[in-house]
mmCIF file of all heavy atoms, coordinates in Angstrom:
data_MODEL
# 
_entry.id   MODEL 
# 
loop_
_atom_site.group_PDB 
_atom_site.id 
_atom_site.type_symbol 
_atom_site.label_atom_id 
_atom_site.label_alt_id 
_atom_site.label_comp_id 
_atom_site.label_asym_id 
_atom_site.label_entity_id 
_atom_site.label_seq_id 
_atom_site.pdbx_PDB_ins_code 
_atom_site.Cartn_x 
_atom_site.Cartn_y 
_atom_site.Cartn_z 
_atom_site.occupancy 
_atom_site.B_iso_or_equiv 
_atom_site.pdbx_formal_charge 
_atom_site.auth_seq_id 
_atom_site.auth_comp_id 
_atom_site.auth_asym_id 
_atom_site.auth_atom_id 
_atom_site.pdbx_PDB_model_num 
ATOM 1   N N   . GLU A 1 1  ? -1.731  -141.865 -153.442 1.00 0.00 ? 1  GLU A N   1 
ATOM 2   C CA  . GLU A 1 1  ? -2.422  -143.115 -153.123 1.00 0.00 ? 1  GLU A CA  1 
ATOM 3   C C   . GLU A 1 1  ? -1.544  -144.001 -152.246 1.00 0.00 ? 1  GLU A C   1 
ATOM 4   O O   . GLU A 1 1  ? -2.034  -144.671 -151.323 1.00 0.00 ? 1  GLU A O   1 
ATOM 5   C CB  . GLU A 1 1  ? -2.792  -143.839 -154.420 1.00 0.00 ? 1  GLU A CB  1 
ATOM 6   C CG  . GLU A 1 1  ? -3.854  -144.908 -154.254 1.00 0.00 ? 1  GLU A CG  1 
ATOM 7   C CD  . GLU A 1 1  ? -5.198  -144.308 -153.867 1.00 0.00 ? 1  GLU A CD  1 
ATOM 8   O OE1 . GLU A 1 1  ? -5.431  -143.102 -154.102 1.00 0.00 ? 1  GLU A OE1 1 
ATOM 9   O OE2 . GLU A 1 1  ? -6.026  -145.061 -153.314 1.00 0.00 ? 1  GLU A OE2 1 
ATOM 10  N N   . THR A 1 2  ? -0.236  -144.014 -152.538 1.00 0.00 ? 2  THR A N   1 
ATOM 11  C CA  . THR A 1 2  ? 0.685   -144.788 -151.696 1.00 0.00 ? 2  THR A CA  1 
ATOM 12  C C   . THR A 1 2  ? 0.696   -144.264 -150.271 1.00 0.00 ? 2  THR A C   1 
ATOM 13  O O   . THR A 1 2  ? 0.678   -145.037 -149.298 1.00 0.00 ? 2  THR A O   1 
ATOM 14  C CB  . THR A 1 2  ? 2.102   -144.734 -152.287 1.00 0.00 ? 2  THR A CB  1 
ATOM 15  O OG1 . THR A 1 2  ? 2.072   -145.247 -153.630 1.00 0.00 ? 2  THR A OG1 1 
ATOM 16  C CG2 . THR A 1 2  ? 3.068   -145.553 -151.454 1.00 0.00 ? 2  THR A CG2 1 
ATOM 17  N N   . VAL A 1 3  ? 0.725   -142.923 -150.127 1.00 0.00 ? 3  VAL A N   1 
ATOM 18  C CA  . VAL A 1 3  ? 0.705   -142.321 -148.783 1.00 0.00 ? 3  VAL A CA  1 
ATOM 19  C C   . VAL A 1 3  ? -0.579  -142.688 -148.054 1.00 0.00 ? 3  VAL A C   1 
ATOM 20  O O   . VAL A 1 3  ? -0.573  -143.002 -146.854 1.00 0.00 ? 3  VAL A O   1 
ATOM 21  C CB  . VAL A 1 3  ? 0.880   -140.793 -148.882 1.00 0.00 ? 3  VAL A CB  1 
ATOM 22  C CG1 . VAL A 1 3  ? 0.598   -140.129 -147.539 1.00 0.00 ? 3  VAL A CG1 1 
ATOM 23  C CG2 . VAL A 1 3  ? 2.287   -140.450 -149.348 1.00 0.00 ? 3  VAL A CG2 1 
ATOM 24  N N   . ARG A 1 4  ? -1.699  -142.640 -148.775 1.00 0.00 ? 4  ARG A N   1 
ATOM 25  C CA  . ARG A 1 4  ? -2.980  -143.013 -148.152 1.00 0.00 ? 4  ARG A CA  1 
ATOM 26  C C   . ARG A 1 4  ? -2.903  -144.429 -147.578 1.00 0.00 ? 4  ARG A C   1 
ATOM 27  O O   . ARG A 1 4  ? -3.335  -144.679 -146.450 1.00 0.00 ? 4  ARG A O   1 
ATOM 28  C CB  . ARG A 1 4  ? -4.116  -142.925 -149.178 1.00 0.00 ? 4  ARG A CB  1 
ATOM 29  C CG  . ARG A 1 4  ? -4.595  -141.527 -149.489 1.00 0.00 ? 4  ARG A CG  1 
ATOM 30  C CD  . ARG A 1 4  ? -5.634  -141.572 -150.600 1.00 0.00 ? 4  ARG A CD  1 
ATOM 31  N NE  . ARG A 1 4  ? -6.770  -142.408 -150.241 1.00 0.00 ? 4  ARG A NE  1 
ATOM 32  C CZ  . ARG A 1 4  ? -7.874  -141.950 -149.639 1.00 0.00 ? 4  ARG A CZ  1 
ATOM 33  N NH1 . ARG A 1 4  ? -7.981  -140.667 -149.360 1.00 0.00 ? 4  ARG A NH1 1 
ATOM 34  N NH2 . ARG A 1 4  ? -8.858  -142.769 -149.355 1.00 0.00 ? 4  ARG A NH2 1 
ATOM 35  N N   . HIS A 1 5  ? -2.381  -145.362 -148.358 1.00 0.00 ? 5  HIS A N   1 
ATOM 36  C CA  . HIS A 1 5  ? -2.315  -146.751 -147.898 1.00 0.00 ? 5  HIS A CA  1 
ATOM 37  C C   . HIS A 1 5  ? -1.360  -146.900 -146.711 1.00 0.00 ? 5  HIS A C   1 
ATOM 38  O O   . HIS A 1 5  ? -1.643  -147.624 -145.751 1.00 0.00 ? 5  HIS A O   1 
ATOM 39  C CB  . HIS A 1 5  ? -1.891  -147.664 -149.049 1.00 0.00 ? 5  HIS A CB  1 
ATOM 40  C CG  . HIS A 1 5  ? -2.898  -147.740 -150.142 1.00 0.00 ? 5  HIS A CG  1 
ATOM 41  N ND1 . HIS A 1 5  ? -2.603  -148.257 -151.397 1.00 0.00 ? 5  HIS A ND1 1 
ATOM 42  C CD2 . HIS A 1 5  ? -4.200  -147.353 -150.201 1.00 0.00 ? 5  HIS A CD2 1 
ATOM 43  C CE1 . HIS A 1 5  ? -3.683  -148.196 -152.157 1.00 0.00 ? 5  HIS A CE1 1 
ATOM 44  N NE2 . HIS A 1 5  ? -4.670  -147.649 -151.455 1.00 0.00 ? 5  HIS A NE2 1 
ATOM 45  N N   . LEU A 1 6  ? -0.227  -146.208 -146.774 1.00 0.00 ? 6  LEU A N   1 
ATOM 46  C CA  . LEU A 1 6  ? 0.737   -146.303 -145.673 1.00 0.00 ? 6  LEU A CA  1 
ATOM 47  C C   . LEU A 1 6  ? 0.180   -145.689 -144.380 1.00 0.00 ? 6  LEU A C   1 
ATOM 48  O O   . LEU A 1 6  ? 0.425   -146.203 -143.284 1.00 0.00 ? 6  LEU A O   1 
ATOM 49  C CB  . LEU A 1 6  ? 2.045   -145.611 -146.059 1.00 0.00 ? 6  LEU A CB  1 
ATOM 50  C CG  . LEU A 1 6  ? 2.876   -146.300 -147.151 1.00 0.00 ? 6  LEU A CG  1 
ATOM 51  C CD1 . LEU A 1 6  ? 4.100   -145.458 -147.487 1.00 0.00 ? 6  LEU A CD1 1 
ATOM 52  C CD2 . LEU A 1 6  ? 3.306   -147.696 -146.690 1.00 0.00 ? 6  LEU A CD2 1 
ATOM 53  N N   . LEU A 1 7  ? -0.565  -144.602 -144.540 1.00 0.00 ? 7  LEU A N   1 
ATOM 54  C CA  . LEU A 1 7  ? -1.103  -143.947 -143.345 1.00 0.00 ? 7  LEU A CA  1 
ATOM 55  C C   . LEU A 1 7  ? -2.222  -144.757 -142.700 1.00 0.00 ? 7  LEU A C   1 
ATOM 56  O O   . LEU A 1 7  ? -2.617  -144.466 -141.570 1.00 0.00 ? 7  LEU A O   1 
ATOM 57  C CB  . LEU A 1 7  ? -1.611  -142.551 -143.708 1.00 0.00 ? 7  LEU A CB  1 
ATOM 58  C CG  . LEU A 1 7  ? -0.503  -141.530 -144.029 1.00 0.00 ? 7  LEU A CG  1 
ATOM 59  C CD1 . LEU A 1 7  ? -1.121  -140.217 -144.480 1.00 0.00 ? 7  LEU A CD1 1 
ATOM 60  C CD2 . LEU A 1 7  ? 0.373   -141.306 -142.815 1.00 0.00 ? 7  LEU A CD2 1 
ATOM 61  N N   . ALA A 1 8  ? -2.736  -145.750 -143.399 1.00 0.00 ? 8  ALA A N   1 
ATOM 62  C CA  . ALA A 1 8  ? -3.732  -146.624 -142.770 1.00 0.00 ? 8  ALA A CA  1 
ATOM 63  C C   . ALA A 1 8  ? -3.096  -147.511 -141.709 1.00 0.00 ? 8  ALA A C   1 
ATOM 64  O O   . ALA A 1 8  ? -3.784  -147.978 -140.790 1.00 0.00 ? 8  ALA A O   1 
ATOM 65  C CB  . ALA A 1 8  ? -4.409  -147.480 -143.833 1.00 0.00 ? 8  ALA A CB  1 
ATOM 66  N N   . LEU A 1 9  ? -1.783  -147.745 -141.825 1.00 0.00 ? 9  LEU A N   1 
ATOM 67  C CA  . LEU A 1 9  ? -1.128  -148.669 -140.903 1.00 0.00 ? 9  LEU A CA  1 
ATOM 68  C C   . LEU A 1 9  ? -1.130  -148.160 -139.466 1.00 0.00 ? 9  LEU A C   1 
ATOM 69  O O   . LEU A 1 9  ? -1.471  -148.924 -138.545 1.00 0.00 ? 9  LEU A O   1 
ATOM 70  C CB  . LEU A 1 9  ? 0.298   -148.955 -141.388 1.00 0.00 ? 9  LEU A CB  1 
ATOM 71  C CG  . LEU A 1 9  ? 0.400   -149.591 -142.786 1.00 0.00 ? 9  LEU A CG  1 
ATOM 72  C CD1 . LEU A 1 9  ? 1.853   -149.846 -143.148 1.00 0.00 ? 9  LEU A CD1 1 
ATOM 73  C CD2 . LEU A 1 9  ? -0.408  -150.886 -142.837 1.00 0.00 ? 9  LEU A CD2 1 
ATOM 74  N N   . PRO A 1 10 ? -0.740  -146.882 -139.170 1.00 0.00 ? 10 PRO A N   1 
ATOM 75  C CA  . PRO A 1 10 ? -0.840  -146.438 -137.772 1.00 0.00 ? 10 PRO A CA  1 
ATOM 76  C C   . PRO A 1 10 ? -2.267  -146.414 -137.253 1.00 0.00 ? 10 PRO A C   1 
ATOM 77  O O   . PRO A 1 10 ? -2.500  -146.607 -136.054 1.00 0.00 ? 10 PRO A O   1 
ATOM 78  C CB  . PRO A 1 10 ? -0.223  -145.030 -137.803 1.00 0.00 ? 10 PRO A CB  1 
ATOM 79  C CG  . PRO A 1 10 ? -0.259  -144.603 -139.215 1.00 0.00 ? 10 PRO A CG  1 
ATOM 80  C CD  . PRO A 1 10 ? -0.135  -145.848 -140.020 1.00 0.00 ? 10 PRO A CD  1 
ATOM 81  N N   . VAL A 1 11 ? -3.230  -146.190 -138.144 1.00 0.00 ? 11 VAL A N   1 
ATOM 82  C CA  . VAL A 1 11 ? -4.627  -146.230 -137.707 1.00 0.00 ? 11 VAL A CA  1 
ATOM 83  C C   . VAL A 1 11 ? -5.011  -147.646 -137.290 1.00 0.00 ? 11 VAL A C   1 
ATOM 84  O O   . VAL A 1 11 ? -5.673  -147.862 -136.263 1.00 0.00 ? 11 VAL A O   1 
ATOM 85  C CB  . VAL A 1 11 ? -5.547  -145.704 -138.815 1.00 0.00 ? 11 VAL A CB  1 
ATOM 86  C CG1 . VAL A 1 11 ? -7.010  -145.762 -138.356 1.00 0.00 ? 11 VAL A CG1 1 
ATOM 87  C CG2 . VAL A 1 11 ? -5.170  -144.274 -139.190 1.00 0.00 ? 11 VAL A CG2 1 
ATOM 88  N N   . LEU A 1 12 ? -4.608  -148.639 -138.083 1.00 0.00 ? 12 LEU A N   1 
ATOM 89  C CA  . LEU A 1 12 ? -4.876  -150.031 -137.707 1.00 0.00 ? 12 LEU A CA  1 
ATOM 90  C C   . LEU A 1 12 ? -4.138  -150.409 -136.420 1.00 0.00 ? 12 LEU A C   1 
ATOM 91  O O   . LEU A 1 12 ? -4.668  -151.160 -135.586 1.00 0.00 ? 12 LEU A O   1 
ATOM 92  C CB  . LEU A 1 12 ? -4.467  -150.960 -138.847 1.00 0.00 ? 12 LEU A CB  1 
ATOM 93  C CG  . LEU A 1 12 ? -5.346  -150.914 -140.101 1.00 0.00 ? 12 LEU A CG  1 
ATOM 94  C CD1 . LEU A 1 12 ? -4.721  -151.751 -141.215 1.00 0.00 ? 12 LEU A CD1 1 
ATOM 95  C CD2 . LEU A 1 12 ? -6.754  -151.397 -139.781 1.00 0.00 ? 12 LEU A CD2 1 
ATOM 96  N N   . ALA A 1 13 ? -2.913  -149.902 -136.253 1.00 0.00 ? 13 ALA A N   1 
ATOM 97  C CA  . ALA A 1 13 ? -2.184  -150.164 -135.011 1.00 0.00 ? 13 ALA A CA  1 
ATOM 98  C C   . ALA A 1 13 ? -2.928  -149.586 -133.814 1.00 0.00 ? 13 ALA A C   1 
ATOM 99  O O   . ALA A 1 13 ? -2.962  -150.183 -132.731 1.00 0.00 ? 13 ALA A O   1 
ATOM 100 C CB  . ALA A 1 13 ? -0.775  -149.577 -135.101 1.00 0.00 ? 13 ALA A CB  1 
ATOM 101 N N   . THR A 1 14 ? -3.542  -148.426 -134.010 1.00 0.00 ? 14 THR A N   1 
ATOM 102 C CA  . THR A 1 14 ? -4.337  -147.836 -132.935 1.00 0.00 ? 14 THR A CA  1 
ATOM 103 C C   . THR A 1 14 ? -5.540  -148.712 -132.606 1.00 0.00 ? 14 THR A C   1 
ATOM 104 O O   . THR A 1 14 ? -5.933  -148.839 -131.444 1.00 0.00 ? 14 THR A O   1 
ATOM 105 C CB  . THR A 1 14 ? -4.795  -146.420 -133.327 1.00 0.00 ? 14 THR A CB  1 
ATOM 106 O OG1 . THR A 1 14 ? -3.654  -145.635 -133.655 1.00 0.00 ? 14 THR A OG1 1 
ATOM 107 C CG2 . THR A 1 14 ? -5.551  -145.759 -132.194 1.00 0.00 ? 14 THR A CG2 1 
ATOM 108 N N   . CYS A 1 15 ? -6.125  -149.315 -133.628 1.00 0.00 ? 15 CYS A N   1 
ATOM 109 C CA  . CYS A 1 15 ? -7.249  -150.233 -133.380 1.00 0.00 ? 15 CYS A CA  1 
ATOM 110 C C   . CYS A 1 15 ? -6.802  -151.414 -132.521 1.00 0.00 ? 15 CYS A C   1 
ATOM 111 O O   . CYS A 1 15 ? -7.536  -151.850 -131.618 1.00 0.00 ? 15 CYS A O   1 
ATOM 112 C CB  . CYS A 1 15 ? -7.819  -150.737 -134.703 1.00 0.00 ? 15 CYS A CB  1 
ATOM 113 S SG  . CYS A 1 15 ? -8.627  -149.460 -135.705 1.00 0.00 ? 15 CYS A SG  1 
ATOM 114 N N   . VAL A 1 16 ? -5.607  -151.935 -132.788 1.00 0.00 ? 16 VAL A N   1 
ATOM 115 C CA  . VAL A 1 16 ? -5.087  -153.041 -131.977 1.00 0.00 ? 16 VAL A CA  1 
ATOM 116 C C   . VAL A 1 16 ? -4.889  -152.593 -130.536 1.00 0.00 ? 16 VAL A C   1 
ATOM 117 O O   . VAL A 1 16 ? -5.236  -153.316 -129.587 1.00 0.00 ? 16 VAL A O   1 
ATOM 118 C CB  . VAL A 1 16 ? -3.761  -153.552 -132.570 1.00 0.00 ? 16 VAL A CB  1 
ATOM 119 C CG1 . VAL A 1 16 ? -3.141  -154.615 -131.665 1.00 0.00 ? 16 VAL A CG1 1 
ATOM 120 C CG2 . VAL A 1 16 ? -3.995  -154.121 -133.966 1.00 0.00 ? 16 VAL A CG2 1 
ATOM 121 N N   . TRP A 1 17 ? -4.340  -151.392 -130.365 1.00 0.00 ? 17 TRP A N   1 
ATOM 122 C CA  . TRP A 1 17 ? -4.150  -150.861 -129.008 1.00 0.00 ? 17 TRP A CA  1 
ATOM 123 C C   . TRP A 1 17 ? -5.485  -150.726 -128.281 1.00 0.00 ? 17 TRP A C   1 
ATOM 124 O O   . TRP A 1 17 ? -5.621  -151.122 -127.116 1.00 0.00 ? 17 TRP A O   1 
ATOM 125 C CB  . TRP A 1 17 ? -3.443  -149.505 -129.104 1.00 0.00 ? 17 TRP A CB  1 
ATOM 126 C CG  . TRP A 1 17 ? -3.576  -148.652 -127.877 1.00 0.00 ? 17 TRP A CG  1 
ATOM 127 C CD1 . TRP A 1 17 ? -3.159  -148.943 -126.606 1.00 0.00 ? 17 TRP A CD1 1 
ATOM 128 C CD2 . TRP A 1 17 ? -4.185  -147.369 -127.795 1.00 0.00 ? 17 TRP A CD2 1 
ATOM 129 N NE1 . TRP A 1 17 ? -3.464  -147.918 -125.749 1.00 0.00 ? 17 TRP A NE1 1 
ATOM 130 C CE2 . TRP A 1 17 ? -4.091  -146.935 -126.458 1.00 0.00 ? 17 TRP A CE2 1 
ATOM 131 C CE3 . TRP A 1 17 ? -4.785  -146.529 -128.733 1.00 0.00 ? 17 TRP A CE3 1 
ATOM 132 C CZ2 . TRP A 1 17 ? -4.589  -145.700 -126.029 1.00 0.00 ? 17 TRP A CZ2 1 
ATOM 133 C CZ3 . TRP A 1 17 ? -5.272  -145.301 -128.313 1.00 0.00 ? 17 TRP A CZ3 1 
ATOM 134 C CH2 . TRP A 1 17 ? -5.176  -144.899 -126.982 1.00 0.00 ? 17 TRP A CH2 1 
ATOM 135 N N   . LEU A 1 18 ? -6.500  -150.186 -128.960 1.00 0.00 ? 18 LEU A N   1 
ATOM 136 C CA  . LEU A 1 18 ? -7.808  -150.016 -128.322 1.00 0.00 ? 18 LEU A CA  1 
ATOM 137 C C   . LEU A 1 18 ? -8.457  -151.365 -128.019 1.00 0.00 ? 18 LEU A C   1 
ATOM 138 O O   . LEU A 1 18 ? -9.190  -151.498 -127.028 1.00 0.00 ? 18 LEU A O   1 
ATOM 139 C CB  . LEU A 1 18 ? -8.710  -149.175 -129.215 1.00 0.00 ? 18 LEU A CB  1 
ATOM 140 C CG  . LEU A 1 18 ? -8.336  -147.688 -129.321 1.00 0.00 ? 18 LEU A CG  1 
ATOM 141 C CD1 . LEU A 1 18 ? -9.224  -146.982 -130.333 1.00 0.00 ? 18 LEU A CD1 1 
ATOM 142 C CD2 . LEU A 1 18 ? -8.447  -147.011 -127.963 1.00 0.00 ? 18 LEU A CD2 1 
ATOM 143 N N   . ALA A 1 19 ? -8.206  -152.367 -128.851 1.00 0.00 ? 19 ALA A N   1 
ATOM 144 C CA  . ALA A 1 19 ? -8.709  -153.709 -128.542 1.00 0.00 ? 19 ALA A CA  1 
ATOM 145 C C   . ALA A 1 19 ? -8.088  -154.227 -127.254 1.00 0.00 ? 19 ALA A C   1 
ATOM 146 O O   . ALA A 1 19 ? -8.764  -154.854 -126.420 1.00 0.00 ? 19 ALA A O   1 
ATOM 147 C CB  . ALA A 1 19 ? -8.410  -154.660 -129.705 1.00 0.00 ? 19 ALA A CB  1 
ATOM 148 N N   . TRP A 1 20 ? -6.795  -153.963 -127.077 1.00 0.00 ? 20 TRP A N   1 
ATOM 149 C CA  . TRP A 1 20 ? -6.122  -154.354 -125.824 1.00 0.00 ? 20 TRP A CA  1 
ATOM 150 C C   . TRP A 1 20 ? -6.722  -153.624 -124.638 1.00 0.00 ? 20 TRP A C   1 
ATOM 151 O O   . TRP A 1 20 ? -6.970  -154.214 -123.580 1.00 0.00 ? 20 TRP A O   1 
ATOM 152 C CB  . TRP A 1 20 ? -4.630  -154.055 -125.962 1.00 0.00 ? 20 TRP A CB  1 
ATOM 153 C CG  . TRP A 1 20 ? -3.833  -154.251 -124.716 1.00 0.00 ? 20 TRP A CG  1 
ATOM 154 C CD1 . TRP A 1 20 ? -3.646  -155.413 -124.035 1.00 0.00 ? 20 TRP A CD1 1 
ATOM 155 C CD2 . TRP A 1 20 ? -3.104  -153.253 -124.006 1.00 0.00 ? 20 TRP A CD2 1 
ATOM 156 N NE1 . TRP A 1 20 ? -2.845  -155.208 -122.938 1.00 0.00 ? 20 TRP A NE1 1 
ATOM 157 C CE2 . TRP A 1 20 ? -2.493  -153.888 -122.899 1.00 0.00 ? 20 TRP A CE2 1 
ATOM 158 C CE3 . TRP A 1 20 ? -2.897  -151.890 -124.205 1.00 0.00 ? 20 TRP A CE3 1 
ATOM 159 C CZ2 . TRP A 1 20 ? -1.704  -153.184 -121.987 1.00 0.00 ? 20 TRP A CZ2 1 
ATOM 160 C CZ3 . TRP A 1 20 ? -2.103  -151.200 -123.299 1.00 0.00 ? 20 TRP A CZ3 1 
ATOM 161 C CH2 . TRP A 1 20 ? -1.517  -151.848 -122.205 1.00 0.00 ? 20 TRP A CH2 1 
ATOM 162 N N   . VAL A 1 21 ? -7.004  -152.322 -124.798 1.00 0.00 ? 21 VAL A N   1 
ATOM 163 C CA  . VAL A 1 21 ? -7.610  -151.542 -123.711 1.00 0.00 ? 21 VAL A CA  1 
ATOM 164 C C   . VAL A 1 21 ? -8.984  -152.099 -123.367 1.00 0.00 ? 21 VAL A C   1 
ATOM 165 O O   . VAL A 1 21 ? -9.342  -152.245 -122.189 1.00 0.00 ? 21 VAL A O   1 
ATOM 166 C CB  . VAL A 1 21 ? -7.708  -150.054 -124.112 1.00 0.00 ? 21 VAL A CB  1 
ATOM 167 C CG1 . VAL A 1 21 ? -8.498  -149.271 -123.060 1.00 0.00 ? 21 VAL A CG1 1 
ATOM 168 C CG2 . VAL A 1 21 ? -6.325  -149.451 -124.279 1.00 0.00 ? 21 VAL A CG2 1 
ATOM 169 N N   . SER A 1 22 ? -9.773  -152.433 -124.378 1.00 0.00 ? 22 SER A N   1 
ATOM 170 C CA  . SER A 1 22 ? -11.120 -152.959 -124.107 1.00 0.00 ? 22 SER A CA  1 
ATOM 171 C C   . SER A 1 22 ? -11.051 -154.280 -123.349 1.00 0.00 ? 22 SER A C   1 
ATOM 172 O O   . SER A 1 22 ? -11.890 -154.552 -122.485 1.00 0.00 ? 22 SER A O   1 
ATOM 173 C CB  . SER A 1 22 ? -11.885 -153.134 -125.422 1.00 0.00 ? 22 SER A CB  1 
ATOM 174 O OG  . SER A 1 22 ? -11.346 -154.205 -126.189 1.00 0.00 ? 22 SER A OG  1 
ATOM 175 N N   . GLU A 1 23 ? -10.036 -155.095 -123.642 1.00 0.00 ? 23 GLU A N   1 
ATOM 176 C CA  . GLU A 1 23 ? -9.897  -156.366 -122.923 1.00 0.00 ? 23 GLU A CA  1 
ATOM 177 C C   . GLU A 1 23 ? -9.498  -156.116 -121.476 1.00 0.00 ? 23 GLU A C   1 
ATOM 178 O O   . GLU A 1 23 ? -9.989  -156.788 -120.556 1.00 0.00 ? 23 GLU A O   1 
ATOM 179 C CB  . GLU A 1 23 ? -8.859  -157.239 -123.631 1.00 0.00 ? 23 GLU A CB  1 
ATOM 180 C CG  . GLU A 1 23 ? -8.842  -158.690 -123.166 1.00 0.00 ? 23 GLU A CG  1 
ATOM 181 C CD  . GLU A 1 23 ? -8.044  -158.902 -121.904 1.00 0.00 ? 23 GLU A CD  1 
ATOM 182 O OE1 . GLU A 1 23 ? -7.111  -158.095 -121.661 1.00 0.00 ? 23 GLU A OE1 1 
ATOM 183 O OE2 . GLU A 1 23 ? -8.346  -159.852 -121.146 1.00 0.00 ? 23 GLU A OE2 1 
ATOM 184 N N   . LEU A 1 24 ? -8.620  -155.129 -121.241 1.00 0.00 ? 24 LEU A N   1 
ATOM 185 C CA  . LEU A 1 24 ? -8.233  -154.812 -119.869 1.00 0.00 ? 24 LEU A CA  1 
ATOM 186 C C   . LEU A 1 24 ? -9.416  -154.283 -119.076 1.00 0.00 ? 24 LEU A C   1 
ATOM 187 O O   . LEU A 1 24 ? -9.574  -154.585 -117.887 1.00 0.00 ? 24 LEU A O   1 
ATOM 188 C CB  . LEU A 1 24 ? -7.107  -153.773 -119.868 1.00 0.00 ? 24 LEU A CB  1 
ATOM 189 C CG  . LEU A 1 24 ? -5.718  -154.252 -120.299 1.00 0.00 ? 24 LEU A CG  1 
ATOM 190 C CD1 . LEU A 1 24 ? -4.745  -153.082 -120.318 1.00 0.00 ? 24 LEU A CD1 1 
ATOM 191 C CD2 . LEU A 1 24 ? -5.214  -155.344 -119.358 1.00 0.00 ? 24 LEU A CD2 1 
ATOM 192 N N   . GLU A 1 25 ? -10.249 -153.474 -119.705 1.00 0.00 ? 25 GLU A N   1 
ATOM 193 C CA  . GLU A 1 25 ? -11.377 -152.871 -119.004 1.00 0.00 ? 25 GLU A CA  1 
ATOM 194 C C   . GLU A 1 25 ? -12.540 -153.833 -118.831 1.00 0.00 ? 25 GLU A C   1 
ATOM 195 O O   . GLU A 1 25 ? -13.172 -153.875 -117.773 1.00 0.00 ? 25 GLU A O   1 
ATOM 196 C CB  . GLU A 1 25 ? -11.863 -151.629 -119.756 1.00 0.00 ? 25 GLU A CB  1 
ATOM 197 C CG  . GLU A 1 25 ? -10.896 -150.469 -119.720 1.00 0.00 ? 25 GLU A CG  1 
ATOM 198 C CD  . GLU A 1 25 ? -11.467 -149.222 -120.370 1.00 0.00 ? 25 GLU A CD  1 
ATOM 199 O OE1 . GLU A 1 25 ? -12.559 -149.309 -120.979 1.00 0.00 ? 25 GLU A OE1 1 
ATOM 200 O OE2 . GLU A 1 25 ? -10.841 -148.173 -120.270 1.00 0.00 ? 25 GLU A OE2 1 
ATOM 201 N N   . GLY A 1 26 ? -12.853 -154.590 -119.864 1.00 0.00 ? 26 GLY A N   1 
ATOM 202 C CA  . GLY A 1 26 ? -14.063 -155.395 -119.839 1.00 0.00 ? 26 GLY A CA  1 
ATOM 203 C C   . GLY A 1 26 ? -13.870 -156.885 -119.931 1.00 0.00 ? 26 GLY A C   1 
ATOM 204 O O   . GLY A 1 26 ? -14.858 -157.632 -119.905 1.00 0.00 ? 26 GLY A O   1 
ATOM 205 N N   . GLY A 1 27 ? -12.626 -157.343 -120.057 1.00 0.00 ? 27 GLY A N   1 
ATOM 206 C CA  . GLY A 1 27 ? -12.395 -158.767 -120.100 1.00 0.00 ? 27 GLY A CA  1 
ATOM 207 C C   . GLY A 1 27 ? -12.700 -159.385 -121.449 1.00 0.00 ? 27 GLY A C   1 
ATOM 208 O O   . GLY A 1 27 ? -12.942 -158.702 -122.451 1.00 0.00 ? 27 GLY A O   1 
ATOM 209 N N   . PRO A 1 28 ? -12.718 -160.722 -121.527 1.00 0.00 ? 28 PRO A N   1 
ATOM 210 C CA  . PRO A 1 28 ? -12.928 -161.428 -122.810 1.00 0.00 ? 28 PRO A CA  1 
ATOM 211 C C   . PRO A 1 28 ? -14.253 -161.095 -123.479 1.00 0.00 ? 28 PRO A C   1 
ATOM 212 O O   . PRO A 1 28 ? -14.338 -161.067 -124.703 1.00 0.00 ? 28 PRO A O   1 
ATOM 213 C CB  . PRO A 1 28 ? -12.867 -162.909 -122.403 1.00 0.00 ? 28 PRO A CB  1 
ATOM 214 C CG  . PRO A 1 28 ? -12.088 -162.927 -121.126 1.00 0.00 ? 28 PRO A CG  1 
ATOM 215 C CD  . PRO A 1 28 ? -12.425 -161.648 -120.422 1.00 0.00 ? 28 PRO A CD  1 
ATOM 216 N N   . TYR A 1 29 ? -15.290 -160.822 -122.675 1.00 0.00 ? 29 TYR A N   1 
ATOM 217 C CA  . TYR A 1 29 ? -16.589 -160.521 -123.278 1.00 0.00 ? 29 TYR A CA  1 
ATOM 218 C C   . TYR A 1 29 ? -16.506 -159.245 -124.115 1.00 0.00 ? 29 TYR A C   1 
ATOM 219 O O   . TYR A 1 29 ? -17.040 -159.177 -125.229 1.00 0.00 ? 29 TYR A O   1 
ATOM 220 C CB  . TYR A 1 29 ? -17.643 -160.370 -122.190 1.00 0.00 ? 29 TYR A CB  1 
ATOM 221 C CG  . TYR A 1 29 ? -19.004 -159.973 -122.714 1.00 0.00 ? 29 TYR A CG  1 
ATOM 222 C CD1 . TYR A 1 29 ? -19.762 -160.856 -123.469 1.00 0.00 ? 29 TYR A CD1 1 
ATOM 223 C CD2 . TYR A 1 29 ? -19.521 -158.708 -122.452 1.00 0.00 ? 29 TYR A CD2 1 
ATOM 224 C CE1 . TYR A 1 29 ? -21.009 -160.492 -123.958 1.00 0.00 ? 29 TYR A CE1 1 
ATOM 225 C CE2 . TYR A 1 29 ? -20.755 -158.330 -122.936 1.00 0.00 ? 29 TYR A CE2 1 
ATOM 226 C CZ  . TYR A 1 29 ? -21.496 -159.225 -123.686 1.00 0.00 ? 29 TYR A CZ  1 
ATOM 227 O OH  . TYR A 1 29 ? -22.721 -158.863 -124.176 1.00 0.00 ? 29 TYR A OH  1 
# 
């Protein structure tokens, strides 16, 4: 269970990266 929770962190970091990509591609909207 601890490993499951820890492994969620790189997945969330990837979400932040993709949010940055979406802003570069499509702007604030």
